[in-house]
N, C-alpha and C. Protein backbone atom coordinates (compact mmCIF):
# COMPACT_ATOMS: atom_id res chain seq x y z
N GLY A 1 110.83 114.16 68.72
CA GLY A 1 111.68 113.52 69.52
C GLY A 1 111.59 111.92 69.31
N LYS A 2 112.55 111.24 69.88
CA LYS A 2 112.77 109.84 69.96
C LYS A 2 111.48 109.08 70.80
N THR A 3 110.79 108.06 70.15
CA THR A 3 109.92 107.63 71.10
C THR A 3 110.74 106.16 71.49
N THR A 4 110.36 105.71 72.89
CA THR A 4 111.05 104.61 73.34
C THR A 4 109.77 103.62 73.40
N LYS A 5 110.32 102.37 73.30
CA LYS A 5 109.42 101.21 73.34
C LYS A 5 108.91 101.02 74.63
N PRO A 6 107.81 100.69 75.18
CA PRO A 6 107.36 100.55 76.58
C PRO A 6 107.77 99.32 77.05
N ILE A 7 108.43 99.23 78.32
CA ILE A 7 109.06 98.20 78.76
C ILE A 7 108.14 96.86 78.80
N THR A 8 108.88 95.62 78.37
CA THR A 8 108.26 94.34 78.27
C THR A 8 107.86 94.02 79.72
N GLU A 9 107.12 93.02 79.91
CA GLU A 9 106.67 92.26 81.01
C GLU A 9 107.87 91.49 81.73
N ALA A 10 108.57 91.04 80.74
CA ALA A 10 109.69 90.04 81.16
C ALA A 10 110.76 90.95 81.66
N GLU A 11 111.18 92.20 80.93
CA GLU A 11 112.04 93.10 81.42
C GLU A 11 111.74 93.81 82.78
N LEU A 12 110.28 94.28 83.02
CA LEU A 12 110.05 94.66 84.17
C LEU A 12 110.09 93.79 85.31
N HIS A 13 109.78 92.49 85.15
CA HIS A 13 109.87 91.21 86.20
C HIS A 13 111.45 91.17 86.45
N ARG A 14 112.31 91.17 85.15
CA ARG A 14 113.58 90.98 85.83
C ARG A 14 114.35 92.20 86.58
N ARG A 15 114.08 93.49 86.23
CA ARG A 15 114.67 94.61 86.91
C ARG A 15 114.06 94.77 88.39
N ASP A 16 112.61 94.48 88.26
CA ASP A 16 111.80 94.49 89.72
C ASP A 16 112.59 93.38 90.81
N THR A 17 112.86 92.24 90.23
CA THR A 17 113.75 91.27 90.91
C THR A 17 114.83 91.70 91.44
N GLU A 18 115.60 92.58 90.53
CA GLU A 18 116.95 93.01 90.98
C GLU A 18 116.76 93.93 92.30
N LEU A 19 115.61 94.91 91.82
CA LEU A 19 115.50 95.82 93.14
C LEU A 19 115.00 95.05 94.25
N LEU A 20 114.23 94.22 94.16
CA LEU A 20 114.03 93.38 95.52
C LEU A 20 114.81 92.64 96.10
N HIS A 21 115.97 92.28 95.33
CA HIS A 21 117.20 91.82 95.68
C HIS A 21 117.99 92.93 96.61
N ILE A 22 118.02 93.96 96.14
CA ILE A 22 119.14 95.17 96.73
C ILE A 22 118.06 95.32 97.74
N LEU A 23 116.88 95.49 97.85
CA LEU A 23 116.20 95.84 99.30
C LEU A 23 116.27 94.74 100.43
N ASP A 24 116.10 93.43 100.00
CA ASP A 24 116.33 92.44 100.86
C ASP A 24 117.59 92.58 101.58
N ASN A 25 118.76 92.60 100.77
CA ASN A 25 120.26 92.77 101.28
C ASN A 25 120.23 93.82 102.30
N TRP A 26 119.61 94.97 101.78
CA TRP A 26 119.60 96.24 102.75
C TRP A 26 118.81 95.99 103.87
N LEU A 27 117.69 95.42 104.07
CA LEU A 27 117.00 95.03 104.93
C LEU A 27 117.69 93.96 106.13
N GLU A 28 118.49 93.03 105.58
CA GLU A 28 119.22 92.11 106.29
C GLU A 28 120.24 92.89 107.12
N ARG A 29 120.90 93.80 106.45
CA ARG A 29 122.05 94.74 107.04
C ARG A 29 121.45 95.50 108.17
N ALA A 30 120.32 96.41 107.69
CA ALA A 30 119.59 97.20 108.79
C ALA A 30 119.22 96.10 110.02
N ASN A 31 118.65 95.23 109.72
CA ASN A 31 117.90 94.19 110.81
C ASN A 31 119.41 93.91 111.75
N GLN A 32 120.55 93.59 111.15
CA GLN A 32 121.73 93.11 111.80
C GLN A 32 122.30 94.28 112.79
N ARG A 33 122.26 95.60 112.05
CA ARG A 33 122.78 96.73 112.90
C ARG A 33 121.61 97.02 113.92
N GLY A 34 120.14 96.97 113.72
CA GLY A 34 119.47 97.30 114.71
C GLY A 34 119.47 96.43 115.62
N GLY A 35 120.00 95.36 115.42
CA GLY A 35 119.72 94.06 116.58
C GLY A 35 118.60 93.83 117.34
N LEU A 36 118.69 93.83 118.56
CA LEU A 36 117.42 93.69 119.39
C LEU A 36 116.46 94.79 119.38
N HIS A 37 116.92 95.91 118.76
CA HIS A 37 115.93 96.93 118.96
C HIS A 37 115.05 96.71 117.82
N ILE A 38 115.21 96.01 116.99
CA ILE A 38 114.11 95.63 115.88
C ILE A 38 113.09 94.64 116.40
N ALA A 39 111.68 95.29 116.49
CA ALA A 39 110.80 94.05 117.20
C ALA A 39 109.96 93.42 115.98
N CYS A 40 110.35 93.80 114.74
CA CYS A 40 109.72 93.02 113.56
C CYS A 40 109.74 91.40 113.46
N ARG A 41 108.68 90.84 113.31
CA ARG A 41 108.34 89.47 113.39
C ARG A 41 107.28 89.04 112.79
N PRO A 42 107.11 87.82 112.18
CA PRO A 42 105.55 87.47 111.79
C PRO A 42 104.71 87.41 113.17
N GLY A 43 103.60 88.04 112.83
CA GLY A 43 102.42 87.86 113.85
C GLY A 43 102.22 89.50 114.36
N CYS A 44 103.52 90.23 114.25
CA CYS A 44 103.41 91.71 114.52
C CYS A 44 102.95 92.57 113.37
N ALA A 45 101.47 92.95 113.48
CA ALA A 45 101.17 93.67 112.21
C ALA A 45 100.61 94.83 112.33
N GLN A 46 101.36 95.78 113.30
CA GLN A 46 100.80 97.12 113.61
C GLN A 46 100.82 97.90 112.44
N CYS A 47 101.73 97.44 111.74
CA CYS A 47 102.24 98.39 110.19
C CYS A 47 101.40 98.00 109.34
N CYS A 48 100.32 96.78 109.40
CA CYS A 48 99.70 96.46 108.40
C CYS A 48 98.30 97.23 108.66
N ILE A 49 97.92 97.94 109.35
CA ILE A 49 96.67 98.68 109.61
C ILE A 49 96.84 100.16 109.19
N GLY A 50 95.88 100.35 108.14
CA GLY A 50 95.78 101.70 107.86
C GLY A 50 96.27 101.69 106.53
N ALA A 51 95.47 102.26 105.45
CA ALA A 51 95.71 102.55 104.21
C ALA A 51 96.84 103.56 103.71
N PHE A 52 97.65 103.06 102.89
CA PHE A 52 98.76 104.17 102.26
C PHE A 52 98.98 103.89 100.83
N ALA A 53 99.51 105.06 100.39
CA ALA A 53 99.56 105.38 98.80
C ALA A 53 100.70 104.19 98.43
N ILE A 54 100.35 103.75 97.25
CA ILE A 54 101.41 102.79 96.58
C ILE A 54 101.52 103.34 94.95
N ASP A 55 102.67 103.03 94.59
CA ASP A 55 102.74 103.53 93.21
C ASP A 55 102.47 102.46 92.04
N ARG A 56 102.79 102.89 90.92
CA ARG A 56 102.28 101.69 89.76
C ARG A 56 103.19 100.50 89.87
N LEU A 57 104.22 100.71 90.41
CA LEU A 57 105.35 99.28 90.36
C LEU A 57 104.69 98.52 91.68
N ASP A 58 104.56 99.23 92.85
CA ASP A 58 103.77 98.46 93.70
C ASP A 58 102.64 97.61 93.26
N ALA A 59 101.70 98.40 92.74
CA ALA A 59 100.35 97.93 92.30
C ALA A 59 100.63 96.58 91.17
N VAL A 60 101.48 96.64 90.22
CA VAL A 60 101.68 95.70 89.44
C VAL A 60 102.31 94.50 90.17
N ARG A 61 103.15 94.76 91.09
CA ARG A 61 103.81 93.56 91.55
C ARG A 61 102.65 92.82 92.31
N LEU A 62 102.01 93.67 93.02
CA LEU A 62 100.59 92.97 94.05
C LEU A 62 99.83 92.08 93.30
N GLN A 63 99.72 92.62 91.90
CA GLN A 63 98.56 92.12 90.92
C GLN A 63 99.37 90.83 90.59
N GLN A 64 100.51 90.69 90.14
CA GLN A 64 101.08 89.59 89.83
C GLN A 64 101.30 88.68 91.11
N GLY A 65 101.50 89.07 92.13
CA GLY A 65 101.37 88.09 93.47
C GLY A 65 100.15 87.20 93.70
N LEU A 66 99.12 88.22 93.29
CA LEU A 66 97.68 87.54 93.85
C LEU A 66 97.18 86.57 92.68
N ASN A 67 98.05 86.72 91.48
CA ASN A 67 98.01 85.88 90.12
C ASN A 67 98.48 84.63 90.58
N GLU A 68 99.79 84.63 91.04
CA GLU A 68 100.46 83.42 91.36
C GLU A 68 99.75 82.87 92.64
N LEU A 69 99.20 83.65 93.65
CA LEU A 69 98.30 82.82 94.60
C LEU A 69 97.48 82.23 94.19
N ALA A 70 96.53 82.90 93.24
CA ALA A 70 95.44 82.08 92.83
C ALA A 70 95.74 80.61 92.21
N GLU A 71 96.82 80.55 91.41
CA GLU A 71 97.16 79.25 90.81
C GLU A 71 97.60 78.43 91.80
N SER A 72 98.24 78.70 93.06
CA SER A 72 98.77 77.81 93.91
C SER A 72 97.80 77.52 95.16
N ASP A 73 96.87 78.59 95.55
CA ASP A 73 96.12 78.18 96.51
C ASP A 73 94.84 79.22 96.18
N THR A 74 93.89 78.53 95.67
CA THR A 74 92.61 79.63 95.01
C THR A 74 91.86 80.09 96.12
N GLU A 75 91.41 79.36 97.01
CA GLU A 75 90.66 79.70 98.43
C GLU A 75 91.50 80.96 99.10
N ARG A 76 92.82 80.94 99.19
CA ARG A 76 93.47 81.96 99.94
C ARG A 76 93.37 83.22 99.08
N ALA A 77 93.61 82.92 97.75
CA ALA A 77 93.58 84.44 96.68
C ALA A 77 92.03 84.58 97.03
N GLN A 78 91.20 83.93 97.06
CA GLN A 78 89.83 84.46 96.94
C GLN A 78 89.45 85.13 98.24
N ARG A 79 90.05 84.93 99.39
CA ARG A 79 89.83 85.77 100.70
C ARG A 79 90.56 86.81 100.64
N VAL A 80 91.60 86.85 100.14
CA VAL A 80 92.16 88.22 99.80
C VAL A 80 91.36 89.04 98.91
N LEU A 81 90.83 88.65 97.97
CA LEU A 81 89.98 89.47 97.16
C LEU A 81 88.78 89.76 98.11
N GLN A 82 88.08 88.95 98.91
CA GLN A 82 87.03 89.37 99.62
C GLN A 82 87.24 90.51 100.59
N ARG A 83 88.60 90.37 101.27
CA ARG A 83 88.71 91.36 101.92
C ARG A 83 89.15 92.61 101.34
N ALA A 84 89.56 92.95 100.22
CA ALA A 84 89.84 93.97 99.54
C ALA A 84 88.59 94.61 99.02
N ALA A 85 87.59 93.65 98.65
CA ALA A 85 86.25 94.33 98.24
C ALA A 85 85.54 94.89 99.50
N ALA A 86 85.78 94.21 100.64
CA ALA A 86 85.03 94.53 101.83
C ALA A 86 85.68 95.94 102.40
N SER A 87 86.84 96.03 102.12
CA SER A 87 87.60 97.18 102.77
C SER A 87 87.07 98.44 101.82
N LEU A 88 86.93 98.07 100.51
CA LEU A 88 86.58 99.38 99.69
C LEU A 88 85.14 99.62 100.12
N GLU A 89 84.29 98.87 100.19
CA GLU A 89 82.93 98.91 100.40
C GLU A 89 82.79 100.01 101.46
N SER A 90 83.64 99.92 102.54
CA SER A 90 83.36 100.42 104.02
C SER A 90 83.93 101.72 104.00
N THR A 91 84.79 101.94 102.86
CA THR A 91 85.63 103.36 102.88
C THR A 91 85.42 104.02 101.67
N ALA A 92 84.67 103.57 100.92
CA ALA A 92 84.83 104.28 99.35
C ALA A 92 84.13 105.71 99.33
N GLU A 93 83.12 106.01 100.36
CA GLU A 93 82.66 107.41 100.25
C GLU A 93 83.69 108.33 100.90
N PHE A 94 84.61 107.77 101.39
CA PHE A 94 85.77 108.88 101.99
C PHE A 94 86.97 108.76 100.98
N PHE A 95 86.87 107.87 99.87
CA PHE A 95 88.13 107.87 99.11
C PHE A 95 88.48 109.02 98.32
N PRO A 96 89.80 109.81 98.49
CA PRO A 96 90.05 111.04 97.86
C PRO A 96 90.43 110.72 96.48
N GLY A 97 89.73 110.31 95.60
CA GLY A 97 90.06 109.79 94.33
C GLY A 97 89.14 109.46 93.60
N ASP A 98 89.37 108.84 92.38
CA ASP A 98 88.38 108.19 91.48
C ASP A 98 88.04 106.78 91.65
N LEU A 99 86.91 106.75 91.98
CA LEU A 99 86.45 105.18 92.39
C LEU A 99 86.35 104.16 91.24
N GLU A 100 86.47 104.76 90.23
CA GLU A 100 86.56 104.09 88.85
C GLU A 100 87.71 103.21 88.72
N THR A 101 88.91 104.25 88.65
CA THR A 101 90.30 103.73 88.40
C THR A 101 91.06 103.41 89.64
N GLY A 102 90.58 104.00 90.72
CA GLY A 102 91.35 103.71 92.01
C GLY A 102 92.56 104.81 92.17
N ILE A 103 92.62 105.64 91.37
CA ILE A 103 93.66 106.67 91.48
C ILE A 103 93.49 107.72 92.32
N LEU A 104 94.38 108.01 93.25
CA LEU A 104 94.43 108.92 94.31
C LEU A 104 94.39 110.62 93.48
N ASP A 105 93.77 111.43 93.91
CA ASP A 105 93.90 112.57 93.70
C ASP A 105 95.23 113.48 93.88
N ASP A 106 95.61 114.10 93.02
CA ASP A 106 96.86 114.75 93.59
C ASP A 106 96.92 116.16 94.12
N THR A 107 96.00 116.39 94.49
CA THR A 107 95.68 117.89 95.17
C THR A 107 95.91 117.63 96.66
N LEU A 108 96.27 118.98 97.04
CA LEU A 108 96.55 119.20 98.30
C LEU A 108 95.68 118.84 99.22
N GLU A 109 94.36 119.34 99.06
CA GLU A 109 92.85 119.00 99.65
C GLU A 109 92.95 117.25 99.77
N ALA A 110 92.90 116.61 98.77
CA ALA A 110 92.71 115.33 98.65
C ALA A 110 94.12 114.78 99.71
N ALA A 111 95.25 115.01 99.48
CA ALA A 111 96.47 114.65 100.33
C ALA A 111 95.95 114.72 101.94
N GLU A 112 95.28 115.91 102.23
CA GLU A 112 94.80 116.09 103.68
C GLU A 112 93.59 115.18 104.15
N ILE A 113 92.61 114.95 103.20
CA ILE A 113 91.88 113.86 103.34
C ILE A 113 92.48 112.30 103.52
N PHE A 114 93.47 112.16 102.61
CA PHE A 114 93.85 110.73 102.91
C PHE A 114 94.80 110.61 103.95
N GLU A 115 95.10 111.74 104.84
CA GLU A 115 95.82 111.74 106.00
C GLU A 115 94.96 110.70 107.02
N ASP A 116 93.58 110.88 107.02
CA ASP A 116 92.77 110.36 107.83
C ASP A 116 92.17 109.15 107.37
N PHE A 117 92.26 108.68 105.95
CA PHE A 117 91.51 108.00 105.19
C PHE A 117 92.07 106.44 105.79
N ALA A 118 90.73 105.62 106.06
CA ALA A 118 90.95 104.22 106.35
C ALA A 118 92.13 104.18 107.35
N ASN A 119 92.30 104.76 108.29
CA ASN A 119 93.42 104.53 109.32
C ASN A 119 93.19 103.22 110.07
N ASP A 120 92.21 102.89 110.24
CA ASP A 120 91.99 101.69 111.27
C ASP A 120 91.57 100.58 110.23
N GLU A 121 91.82 100.44 109.17
CA GLU A 121 91.45 99.53 108.15
C GLU A 121 92.55 98.50 107.84
N PRO A 122 92.52 97.24 108.22
CA PRO A 122 93.59 96.26 107.96
C PRO A 122 93.66 96.16 106.38
N CYS A 123 95.20 95.80 106.33
CA CYS A 123 95.41 95.74 104.80
C CYS A 123 94.77 94.51 104.31
N PRO A 124 94.36 94.49 103.11
CA PRO A 124 93.64 93.30 102.69
C PRO A 124 94.51 91.96 102.46
N ALA A 125 95.58 92.27 102.49
CA ALA A 125 96.68 91.00 102.06
C ALA A 125 96.87 90.14 103.71
N LEU A 126 96.47 91.02 104.84
CA LEU A 126 96.84 90.72 106.03
C LEU A 126 95.94 89.42 106.23
N ASP A 127 96.58 88.19 106.60
CA ASP A 127 95.51 87.37 107.13
C ASP A 127 95.08 87.68 108.51
N PRO A 128 93.77 87.61 108.82
CA PRO A 128 93.35 88.02 110.10
C PRO A 128 93.68 87.02 111.02
N GLN A 129 94.04 85.65 110.74
CA GLN A 129 93.92 84.45 111.77
C GLN A 129 95.35 84.62 112.13
N THR A 130 96.30 84.54 111.28
CA THR A 130 97.86 84.19 111.22
C THR A 130 98.56 85.72 111.81
N LEU A 131 97.73 86.86 111.14
CA LEU A 131 98.59 88.22 111.26
C LEU A 131 99.90 88.02 110.50
N THR A 132 99.93 87.45 109.52
CA THR A 132 100.92 87.50 108.31
C THR A 132 100.46 87.94 107.26
N CYS A 133 101.27 88.29 106.17
CA CYS A 133 100.84 88.66 104.81
C CYS A 133 100.75 87.61 104.07
N ASP A 134 99.75 87.61 103.17
CA ASP A 134 99.48 86.52 102.16
C ASP A 134 100.20 86.79 100.77
N LEU A 135 100.89 88.11 100.65
CA LEU A 135 101.48 88.39 99.64
C LEU A 135 102.82 88.97 99.86
N TYR A 136 103.46 88.23 100.70
CA TYR A 136 104.69 88.94 101.35
C TYR A 136 105.70 89.20 100.43
N ALA A 137 106.07 88.04 99.70
CA ALA A 137 107.04 88.26 98.58
C ALA A 137 106.83 89.37 97.70
N HIS A 138 105.53 89.97 97.31
CA HIS A 138 105.29 90.92 96.45
C HIS A 138 104.82 92.03 97.12
N ARG A 139 105.10 92.45 98.62
CA ARG A 139 104.44 93.36 99.11
C ARG A 139 105.09 94.66 98.55
N PRO A 140 104.35 95.99 98.98
CA PRO A 140 104.91 97.15 98.64
C PRO A 140 106.23 97.79 99.16
N LEU A 141 106.99 98.57 98.65
CA LEU A 141 108.06 98.97 99.16
C LEU A 141 108.04 99.52 100.50
N THR A 142 107.07 100.25 100.73
CA THR A 142 106.93 100.91 102.14
C THR A 142 106.87 99.87 103.23
N CYS A 143 106.13 98.67 102.67
CA CYS A 143 106.27 97.52 103.82
C CYS A 143 107.62 96.92 103.98
N ARG A 144 108.25 97.03 102.83
CA ARG A 144 109.86 96.20 102.84
C ARG A 144 110.73 97.09 103.64
N VAL A 145 110.63 98.44 103.60
CA VAL A 145 111.40 99.25 104.32
C VAL A 145 111.15 99.90 105.86
N TYR A 146 109.96 99.43 106.45
CA TYR A 146 109.49 99.79 107.38
C TYR A 146 109.96 99.20 108.71
N GLY A 147 110.34 99.86 109.74
CA GLY A 147 110.89 99.26 110.86
C GLY A 147 112.24 99.80 111.33
N PRO A 148 113.51 99.39 110.49
CA PRO A 148 114.78 99.99 110.88
C PRO A 148 114.55 101.63 110.52
N PRO A 149 115.60 102.46 111.13
CA PRO A 149 115.57 103.69 110.63
C PRO A 149 115.85 104.04 109.29
N VAL A 150 115.10 104.85 108.66
CA VAL A 150 114.93 105.21 107.29
C VAL A 150 114.88 106.81 107.29
N ARG A 151 115.89 107.29 106.31
CA ARG A 151 116.09 108.78 106.32
C ARG A 151 114.91 109.28 105.45
N SER A 152 114.27 110.64 105.58
CA SER A 152 113.19 111.09 104.66
C SER A 152 113.35 112.65 104.98
N GLU A 153 112.41 113.44 104.47
CA GLU A 153 112.45 114.87 104.63
C GLU A 153 112.33 115.03 106.05
N GLY A 154 111.55 114.43 106.71
CA GLY A 154 111.37 114.49 108.06
C GLY A 154 112.35 114.20 109.10
N GLY A 155 113.42 113.58 108.64
CA GLY A 155 114.73 113.14 109.59
C GLY A 155 114.65 111.78 109.45
N LEU A 156 115.03 110.80 110.61
CA LEU A 156 115.11 109.53 110.65
C LEU A 156 113.90 108.87 111.33
N GLY A 157 113.16 108.00 110.38
CA GLY A 157 111.88 107.43 111.04
C GLY A 157 112.29 106.04 111.42
N VAL A 158 111.37 105.51 112.17
CA VAL A 158 111.39 104.24 112.65
C VAL A 158 110.02 103.61 113.33
N CYS A 159 109.63 102.43 113.09
CA CYS A 159 108.66 101.77 113.56
C CYS A 159 108.38 102.24 115.01
N GLU A 160 107.31 102.64 115.58
CA GLU A 160 107.22 103.09 117.05
C GLU A 160 107.23 102.05 117.94
N LEU A 161 107.17 100.51 117.35
CA LEU A 161 107.56 99.54 118.50
C LEU A 161 108.91 99.10 118.49
N CYS A 162 109.70 99.65 117.39
CA CYS A 162 111.18 99.40 117.33
C CYS A 162 111.99 100.56 117.95
N PHE A 163 113.34 100.08 118.48
CA PHE A 163 114.06 101.21 119.29
C PHE A 163 113.20 101.91 120.33
N THR A 164 112.56 101.40 121.06
CA THR A 164 111.70 101.96 122.13
C THR A 164 112.76 102.32 123.24
N ALA A 165 113.96 101.44 123.35
CA ALA A 165 114.56 101.97 124.51
C ALA A 165 115.81 102.73 124.02
N ALA A 166 115.86 103.05 122.78
CA ALA A 166 116.98 103.42 122.09
C ALA A 166 117.36 104.99 122.34
N SER A 167 118.60 105.59 122.55
CA SER A 167 118.51 107.00 122.33
C SER A 167 118.79 107.46 121.04
N PRO A 168 118.61 108.69 120.61
CA PRO A 168 118.75 109.13 119.26
C PRO A 168 119.81 108.83 118.63
N GLU A 169 121.07 108.83 119.45
CA GLU A 169 122.18 108.46 119.03
C GLU A 169 122.13 107.04 118.36
N GLU A 170 121.84 106.23 119.60
CA GLU A 170 121.67 104.53 118.92
C GLU A 170 120.78 104.42 117.73
N ILE A 171 119.76 105.26 117.45
CA ILE A 171 118.92 105.19 116.21
C ILE A 171 119.70 105.57 115.12
N ALA A 172 120.56 106.81 115.24
CA ALA A 172 121.10 107.29 114.28
C ALA A 172 122.49 106.39 113.52
N ALA A 173 122.79 105.65 114.70
CA ALA A 173 124.25 104.70 114.54
C ALA A 173 123.47 103.50 113.89
N ALA A 174 122.38 103.10 113.80
CA ALA A 174 121.69 101.99 113.26
C ALA A 174 121.23 102.17 111.98
N GLU A 175 121.42 103.46 111.46
CA GLU A 175 120.83 103.34 110.11
C GLU A 175 121.87 103.12 108.95
N VAL A 176 121.34 102.19 108.14
CA VAL A 176 121.79 102.01 106.72
C VAL A 176 121.24 102.66 105.77
N PRO A 177 122.05 103.20 104.97
CA PRO A 177 121.33 104.42 104.08
C PRO A 177 120.76 103.34 103.08
N LEU A 178 119.35 103.95 102.55
CA LEU A 178 118.61 103.07 101.71
C LEU A 178 119.16 103.02 100.27
N GLU A 179 118.88 101.78 99.85
CA GLU A 179 119.50 101.60 98.37
C GLU A 179 118.42 101.18 97.52
N GLY A 180 118.49 101.38 96.25
CA GLY A 180 117.68 100.86 95.06
C GLY A 180 116.33 101.91 94.86
N GLU A 181 116.70 103.24 95.19
CA GLU A 181 115.68 104.16 95.10
C GLU A 181 115.62 104.67 93.55
N GLU A 182 116.82 104.67 93.19
CA GLU A 182 116.98 105.21 91.72
C GLU A 182 116.19 104.18 90.57
N LEU A 183 116.63 102.87 90.92
CA LEU A 183 116.20 102.10 89.97
C LEU A 183 114.44 101.74 90.44
N GLU A 184 113.98 102.02 91.53
CA GLU A 184 112.73 102.00 91.79
C GLU A 184 111.84 103.36 90.91
N SER A 185 112.54 104.40 91.11
CA SER A 185 112.21 105.69 90.36
C SER A 185 112.06 105.37 88.96
N ALA A 186 112.98 104.82 88.38
CA ALA A 186 113.22 104.43 86.92
C ALA A 186 112.13 103.35 86.35
N LEU A 187 111.82 102.56 87.30
CA LEU A 187 110.70 101.43 86.97
C LEU A 187 109.62 101.96 86.88
N ASN A 188 109.41 102.94 87.85
CA ASN A 188 107.94 103.39 88.15
C ASN A 188 107.75 104.37 86.89
N ARG A 189 108.80 105.15 86.50
CA ARG A 189 108.62 105.98 85.35
C ARG A 189 108.23 105.38 84.04
N GLU A 190 108.73 104.24 83.98
CA GLU A 190 108.53 103.44 82.62
C GLU A 190 107.06 102.76 82.52
N LEU A 191 106.72 102.37 83.86
CA LEU A 191 105.34 102.02 83.96
C LEU A 191 104.32 103.38 83.86
N GLU A 192 104.40 104.39 84.37
CA GLU A 192 103.57 105.39 84.19
C GLU A 192 103.69 106.02 82.68
N ARG A 193 104.59 105.87 81.89
CA ARG A 193 104.56 106.01 80.76
C ARG A 193 103.71 105.10 80.02
N ALA A 194 103.77 103.94 80.50
CA ALA A 194 102.82 102.79 79.65
C ALA A 194 101.36 102.86 80.03
N ILE A 195 101.17 102.96 81.33
CA ILE A 195 99.86 103.25 81.76
C ILE A 195 99.21 104.29 82.47
N GLY A 196 100.18 105.23 82.68
CA GLY A 196 99.42 106.69 83.03
C GLY A 196 99.95 106.77 84.45
N PRO A 197 100.14 108.04 84.88
CA PRO A 197 100.79 108.50 86.20
C PRO A 197 99.62 107.97 87.35
N GLY A 198 100.00 108.22 88.84
CA GLY A 198 98.88 108.11 89.69
C GLY A 198 99.35 106.95 90.70
N GLU A 199 98.94 107.43 92.00
CA GLU A 199 99.05 106.38 92.93
C GLU A 199 97.69 105.95 93.45
N THR A 200 97.58 104.60 93.96
CA THR A 200 96.34 104.07 94.46
C THR A 200 96.72 103.59 95.82
N ILE A 201 95.81 102.38 96.28
CA ILE A 201 95.91 101.93 97.71
C ILE A 201 96.01 100.26 97.35
N VAL A 202 96.35 99.47 98.50
CA VAL A 202 96.36 98.20 98.05
C VAL A 202 95.15 97.39 97.53
N ALA A 203 94.10 97.80 98.34
CA ALA A 203 92.79 97.22 97.89
C ALA A 203 92.32 97.44 96.27
N PHE A 204 92.52 98.35 95.93
CA PHE A 204 92.19 98.94 94.52
C PHE A 204 93.33 98.20 93.62
N ALA A 205 94.49 98.04 93.92
CA ALA A 205 95.35 97.46 93.03
C ALA A 205 95.03 95.80 92.97
N LEU A 206 94.69 95.14 94.20
CA LEU A 206 94.11 93.87 94.10
C LEU A 206 92.93 93.43 93.30
N LEU A 207 92.04 94.35 93.63
CA LEU A 207 90.82 94.25 92.56
C LEU A 207 91.10 94.41 91.36
N GLY A 208 92.13 95.03 90.95
CA GLY A 208 92.27 95.20 89.60
C GLY A 208 93.27 94.21 89.03
N ALA A 209 93.47 92.82 89.65
CA ALA A 209 94.50 92.01 89.20
C ALA A 209 93.61 91.25 88.18
């Protein structure tokens, strides 16, 4: 069969920038449609508590963000790394995956363990003083789309702090169909071809930078 060349760093960056532009536009429209029902603002960090799975694209973007931060603000980057190391140290014995690579196991049993894994653990990118993200421009896709109504297999999901006084009809009316998913999947497949499949968590991604 035909072999395809692995994606170059420059091409990955170009296409990921395109993806983030699509998502930023989506978020702007979703926030406008949600209006006063959207509670998200700097200093609200409820969604920054608890570990969640990120894909290869998220991990590479976070690493890039940390490297850029290390060049512009070494001390801040060091604090992010220290928080990542401390987070892993306190949760490692429960990690349902490979502690060498940081890759989560893809078994049903591991998925069940992950449901309760590090639920009270702040994200290492979260500055505990300001309650803002030190890597905001490079944050994972889960973080980017959290808040407004987003459709998944389970129906329409919203942040529990948003739309608290809204009826199901108002929530449905505020939905802006998510965009960029095909591009994200394509980029992730390219990366998995280059460096292997598997999901990880933010702390492992940062320590791999």
